[in-house]
Amino acid sequence: MPEPSLSSDQAADPAILLREDEAGIAVLTLNRPAARNSLSEALLLALSTALDAIASDRAVRAVVITGNGPVFSAGHDLKELGARRSDPDRGRRYFAHIMTTCSTVMQQIVRLPQPVIAAVQGTATAAGCQLVASCDLAIASAAARFATPGVNIGLFCSTPMVALSRNVAPKHAMELLLTGDAISADEAVRIGLINRAVAPGTERSEALALAQRVAAKSQHVVKIGKQAFYRQIDMDLAPAYQFATEVMVENMMARDAAEGIAAFVEKRPARWEDR
């Protein structure tokens, strides 16, 4: 049987996700503030489509994901999910479709050639917290809060757990997952979920500034490094070093490595060609 599909109106509506491009930075804004930026099927599709387009866009050197309104994202759209309880299979097929779609989007972020930075202006819960954890870097308002509260409603945050457990120590992850309690931005910094907390209202500008710092590097080298980071992180020590050695050798053969080393020795700015 084919997967559940979106209506043409849902698929064509661009208002739920906004894209702006600023000096090589693509800013994607979740734009369902009245629904707490919950990750509806349509919004997940819009994110997936945008990420696909960005992956092959050489003009984009980094990505910032943020949200409109007081909430970054409340996770899955529970009303949308609950409505499928009346399906003949009580929603099983649709639930599998949504969870698979969401997991695919999170993996797209990790596999994207460009670094992705979350700019968290408000609360990020459940799959919203998963979205933050899936990004390579994260800047949050000091007023932001983070939680995986599914356990409170009988729905353990098992898919958010995957990204969360790859960002923070196991006992910190388990406490969030088992209690459902929210933590502050400062605590999120302490446990490694986000990079830093900043004054409320400055999270977007701070994320853009960080993105610009990354964008100033060789795009080719950043792509190599991001891919290598995620490949080696779950390897045993010896295979990780073997793999990283191979990556370093190939990286040394790149034009930008030769240019960067020469520029360092000659005490001049490097001229990147992104190759």
Protein backbone atom coordinates (compact mmCIF):
# COMPACT_ATOMS: atom_id res chain seq x y z
CA MET A 1 0.00 0.00 0.00
CA PRO A 2 1.26 3.56 -0.70
CA GLU A 3 2.27 5.80 2.16
CA PRO A 4 -0.31 8.35 3.39
CA SER A 5 0.06 11.50 1.32
CA LEU A 6 -0.50 15.18 1.84
CA SER A 7 -3.28 17.09 0.14
CA SER A 8 -2.11 19.40 -2.64
CA ASP A 9 -2.98 22.40 -0.46
CA GLN A 10 -0.81 21.10 2.39
CA ALA A 11 2.11 20.30 0.15
CA ALA A 12 1.98 23.63 -1.68
CA ASP A 13 1.57 25.91 1.34
CA PRO A 14 4.97 27.56 1.93
CA ALA A 15 3.82 29.69 4.88
CA ILE A 16 4.47 26.99 7.48
CA LEU A 17 8.21 27.17 6.76
CA LEU A 18 9.96 30.37 5.79
CA ARG A 19 13.35 30.59 4.12
CA GLU A 20 15.61 33.64 4.01
CA ASP A 21 19.13 33.78 2.61
CA GLU A 22 21.63 36.14 4.20
CA ALA A 23 25.19 36.26 2.85
CA GLY A 24 25.49 32.52 2.30
CA ILE A 25 23.38 31.55 5.32
CA ALA A 26 19.98 29.90 4.79
CA VAL A 27 17.59 30.69 7.65
CA LEU A 28 14.67 28.26 7.98
CA THR A 29 11.89 29.46 10.29
CA LEU A 30 9.20 27.16 11.63
CA ASN A 31 6.06 29.21 11.13
CA ARG A 32 3.15 27.59 12.97
CA PRO A 33 3.17 29.80 16.08
CA ALA A 34 -0.52 29.23 16.81
CA ALA A 35 0.21 25.48 16.92
CA ARG A 36 3.41 25.97 18.95
CA ASN A 37 5.41 25.13 15.82
CA SER A 38 4.44 21.48 16.19
CA LEU A 39 5.95 19.24 13.54
CA SER A 40 2.90 18.41 11.49
CA GLU A 41 3.16 16.16 8.47
CA ALA A 42 3.13 19.21 6.21
CA LEU A 43 5.87 20.97 8.17
CA LEU A 44 8.06 17.86 8.14
CA LEU A 45 7.61 17.64 4.37
CA ALA A 46 8.46 21.33 3.99
CA LEU A 47 11.62 20.89 6.09
CA SER A 48 12.65 17.84 4.09
CA THR A 49 12.12 19.62 0.79
CA ALA A 50 14.07 22.69 1.97
CA LEU A 51 16.97 20.58 3.22
CA ASP A 52 17.09 18.69 -0.08
CA ALA A 53 17.33 21.98 -1.96
CA ILE A 54 20.00 23.36 0.37
CA ALA A 55 22.15 20.22 0.14
CA SER A 56 22.91 20.89 -3.53
CA ASP A 57 23.01 24.70 -3.25
CA ARG A 58 26.69 25.69 -3.27
CA ALA A 59 25.73 29.28 -2.43
CA VAL A 60 24.61 28.11 1.03
CA ARG A 61 27.51 27.71 3.42
CA ALA A 62 25.57 27.20 6.68
CA VAL A 63 21.97 26.85 7.88
CA VAL A 64 20.11 28.32 10.85
CA ILE A 65 16.83 26.77 12.02
CA THR A 66 14.61 28.87 14.26
CA GLY A 67 10.92 29.38 15.03
CA ASN A 68 8.33 32.14 15.12
CA GLY A 69 6.41 32.80 18.31
CA PRO A 70 7.12 31.98 21.95
CA VAL A 71 7.81 28.26 21.35
CA PHE A 72 10.62 26.83 19.22
CA SER A 73 8.72 23.58 18.71
CA ALA A 74 6.39 21.51 20.87
CA GLY A 75 7.20 18.33 18.94
CA HIS A 76 4.72 16.23 16.99
CA ASP A 77 1.24 17.56 16.27
CA LEU A 78 -0.70 15.40 18.73
CA LYS A 79 -4.08 16.54 17.39
CA GLU A 80 -3.08 15.42 13.91
CA LEU A 81 -1.90 12.06 15.27
CA GLY A 82 -4.93 11.59 17.50
CA ALA A 83 -7.30 12.14 14.59
CA ARG A 84 -6.02 8.93 13.00
CA ARG A 85 -7.20 6.76 15.89
CA SER A 86 -10.38 6.29 13.88
CA ASP A 87 -8.51 4.63 11.00
CA PRO A 88 -9.27 0.91 10.50
CA ASP A 89 -5.85 0.02 11.98
CA ARG A 90 -6.30 2.59 14.81
CA GLY A 91 -3.63 4.76 13.19
CA ARG A 92 -0.73 2.29 13.23
CA ARG A 93 0.25 2.81 9.59
CA TYR A 94 -0.01 6.58 9.82
CA PHE A 95 1.97 6.71 13.07
CA ALA A 96 4.74 4.65 11.43
CA HIS A 97 4.71 7.02 8.46
CA ILE A 98 5.02 10.14 10.62
CA MET A 99 7.75 8.74 12.88
CA THR A 100 9.71 7.52 9.86
CA THR A 101 9.31 10.88 8.12
CA CYS A 102 10.49 12.74 11.22
CA SER A 103 13.46 10.42 11.66
CA THR A 104 14.38 10.96 8.00
CA VAL A 105 14.35 14.75 8.45
CA MET A 106 16.61 14.50 11.52
CA GLN A 107 19.04 12.35 9.56
CA GLN A 108 18.94 14.83 6.66
CA ILE A 109 20.22 17.49 9.06
CA VAL A 110 23.10 15.28 10.19
CA ARG A 111 23.97 14.32 6.61
CA LEU A 112 23.63 17.82 5.17
CA PRO A 113 26.99 19.00 3.79
CA GLN A 114 26.53 22.38 5.46
CA PRO A 115 26.63 22.86 9.25
CA VAL A 116 23.20 23.46 10.82
CA ILE A 117 22.70 25.73 13.84
CA ALA A 118 19.54 25.83 15.94
CA ALA A 119 18.53 29.30 17.17
CA VAL A 120 16.11 28.47 19.99
CA GLN A 121 13.93 31.39 21.03
CA GLY A 122 11.58 29.45 23.31
CA THR A 123 10.62 26.06 24.64
CA ALA A 124 11.74 22.96 22.72
CA THR A 125 9.99 19.77 23.76
CA ALA A 126 9.80 16.17 22.54
CA ALA A 127 10.53 16.13 18.79
CA GLY A 128 11.29 19.85 19.09
CA CYS A 129 14.08 18.96 21.52
CA GLN A 130 15.09 16.22 19.09
CA LEU A 131 15.38 18.85 16.36
CA VAL A 132 17.73 20.92 18.52
CA ALA A 133 19.82 17.87 19.38
CA SER A 134 20.02 16.89 15.70
CA CYS A 135 21.55 20.22 14.70
CA ASP A 136 25.34 20.46 14.69
CA LEU A 137 25.33 23.51 16.97
CA ALA A 138 22.69 25.28 19.05
CA ILE A 139 22.31 28.77 20.50
CA ALA A 140 19.36 29.41 22.81
CA SER A 141 17.71 32.26 24.62
CA ALA A 142 18.46 32.17 28.33
CA ALA A 143 14.68 31.95 28.77
CA ALA A 144 14.38 28.78 26.66
CA ARG A 145 13.53 25.44 28.23
CA PHE A 146 14.03 21.89 27.02
CA ALA A 147 12.15 18.67 27.79
CA THR A 148 11.24 15.22 26.52
CA PRO A 149 7.90 15.00 28.37
CA GLY A 150 6.27 12.16 26.47
CA VAL A 151 6.41 9.90 29.52
CA ASN A 152 3.91 12.25 31.19
CA ILE A 153 1.26 11.43 28.57
CA GLY A 154 2.03 7.75 28.14
CA LEU A 155 4.24 8.18 25.08
CA PHE A 156 7.93 7.67 25.84
CA CYS A 157 10.13 9.93 23.68
CA SER A 158 11.89 7.03 21.97
CA THR A 159 12.77 8.77 18.70
CA PRO A 160 13.91 12.00 20.42
CA MET A 161 16.00 9.69 22.61
CA VAL A 162 18.21 8.81 19.63
CA ALA A 163 19.43 12.38 19.07
CA LEU A 164 19.41 13.24 22.77
CA SER A 165 21.56 10.26 23.76
CA ARG A 166 24.11 11.20 21.11
CA ASN A 167 24.51 14.68 22.58
CA VAL A 168 24.49 14.29 26.35
CA ALA A 169 25.77 11.75 28.86
CA PRO A 170 23.52 8.70 29.38
CA LYS A 171 22.39 9.59 32.90
CA HIS A 172 21.45 13.14 31.86
CA ALA A 173 19.52 11.76 28.89
CA MET A 174 17.76 9.15 31.02
CA GLU A 175 16.74 11.73 33.62
CA LEU A 176 15.12 13.89 30.95
CA LEU A 177 13.41 10.88 29.36
CA LEU A 178 12.23 9.21 32.57
CA THR A 179 10.98 12.29 34.42
CA GLY A 180 9.74 14.45 31.55
CA ASP A 181 10.99 17.45 33.54
CA ALA A 182 12.00 20.64 31.73
CA ILE A 183 15.49 22.03 32.13
CA SER A 184 16.72 25.60 31.76
CA ALA A 185 18.98 26.86 29.00
CA ASP A 186 21.84 27.08 31.49
CA GLU A 187 21.35 23.42 32.40
CA ALA A 188 21.16 22.54 28.71
CA VAL A 189 24.57 24.18 28.27
CA ARG A 190 25.96 22.30 31.26
CA ILE A 191 24.94 18.89 29.95
CA GLY A 192 25.98 19.64 26.37
CA LEU A 193 22.60 19.86 24.66
CA ILE A 194 23.29 23.40 23.43
CA ASN A 195 26.47 25.43 22.96
CA ARG A 196 25.45 28.52 24.90
CA ALA A 197 22.59 30.57 26.28
CA VAL A 198 22.35 34.22 25.30
CA ALA A 199 20.22 37.21 26.23
CA PRO A 200 16.60 36.71 25.15
CA GLY A 201 15.98 38.23 21.75
CA THR A 202 19.61 37.85 20.61
CA GLU A 203 19.60 34.11 19.85
CA ARG A 204 19.00 34.57 16.12
CA SER A 205 21.71 37.21 15.70
CA GLU A 206 24.13 35.15 17.78
CA ALA A 207 23.38 32.05 15.69
CA LEU A 208 23.88 34.04 12.49
CA ALA A 209 27.19 35.38 13.78
CA LEU A 210 28.31 31.82 14.56
CA ALA A 211 27.12 30.69 11.12
CA GLN A 212 29.14 33.45 9.49
CA ARG A 213 32.26 32.32 11.35
CA VAL A 214 31.76 28.81 10.01
CA ALA A 215 30.88 30.08 6.54
CA ALA A 216 34.21 31.89 6.35
CA LYS A 217 36.04 28.54 6.24
CA SER A 218 36.57 26.37 3.18
CA GLN A 219 33.21 24.84 2.29
CA HIS A 220 34.95 21.73 0.99
CA VAL A 221 36.93 21.22 4.18
CA VAL A 222 33.91 21.84 6.45
CA LYS A 223 31.96 19.22 4.49
CA ILE A 224 34.79 16.70 4.92
CA GLY A 225 34.99 17.44 8.63
CA LYS A 226 31.27 17.22 9.33
CA GLN A 227 30.93 13.91 7.50
CA ALA A 228 33.98 12.46 9.25
CA PHE A 229 32.79 13.59 12.69
CA TYR A 230 29.53 11.67 12.48
CA ARG A 231 31.11 8.60 10.90
CA GLN A 232 33.82 8.15 13.53
CA ILE A 233 31.85 9.03 16.64
CA ASP A 234 30.42 5.54 17.16
CA MET A 235 33.53 3.63 16.08
CA ASP A 236 35.90 1.90 18.46
CA LEU A 237 39.12 3.80 19.10
CA ALA A 238 41.47 2.02 16.69
CA PRO A 239 39.07 2.00 13.69
CA ALA A 240 38.24 5.64 14.41
CA TYR A 241 41.91 6.60 14.21
CA GLN A 242 42.38 4.53 11.06
CA PHE A 243 39.39 6.19 9.42
CA ALA A 244 40.43 9.68 10.56
CA THR A 245 43.96 9.10 9.23
CA GLU A 246 42.53 8.25 5.81
CA VAL A 247 40.36 11.36 5.91
CA MET A 248 43.33 13.56 6.89
CA VAL A 249 45.41 12.19 3.99
CA GLU A 250 42.63 12.88 1.49
CA ASN A 251 42.06 16.30 3.03
CA MET A 252 45.78 17.10 2.64
CA MET A 253 45.40 16.47 -1.09
CA ALA A 254 42.69 19.14 -1.39
CA ARG A 255 43.52 22.44 -3.03
CA ASP A 256 42.21 24.40 -0.03
CA ALA A 257 44.49 22.50 2.37
CA ALA A 258 47.52 23.41 0.28
CA GLU A 259 46.33 27.03 0.12
CA GLY A 260 45.51 27.24 3.81
CA ILE A 261 48.88 25.87 4.91
CA ALA A 262 50.71 28.14 2.48
CA ALA A 263 48.72 31.15 3.71
CA PHE A 264 49.56 30.28 7.33
CA VAL A 265 53.28 29.97 6.56
CA GLU A 266 53.26 33.19 4.51
CA LYS A 267 51.19 35.03 7.15
CA ARG A 268 48.42 36.08 4.77
CA PRO A 269 44.66 35.44 4.50
CA ALA A 270 43.73 32.21 2.73
CA ARG A 271 41.89 32.38 -0.58
CA TRP A 272 39.43 29.50 -0.53
CA GLU A 273 38.17 27.89 -3.72
CA ASP A 274 36.06 25.30 -1.91
CA ARG A 275 37.84 22.34 -3.46
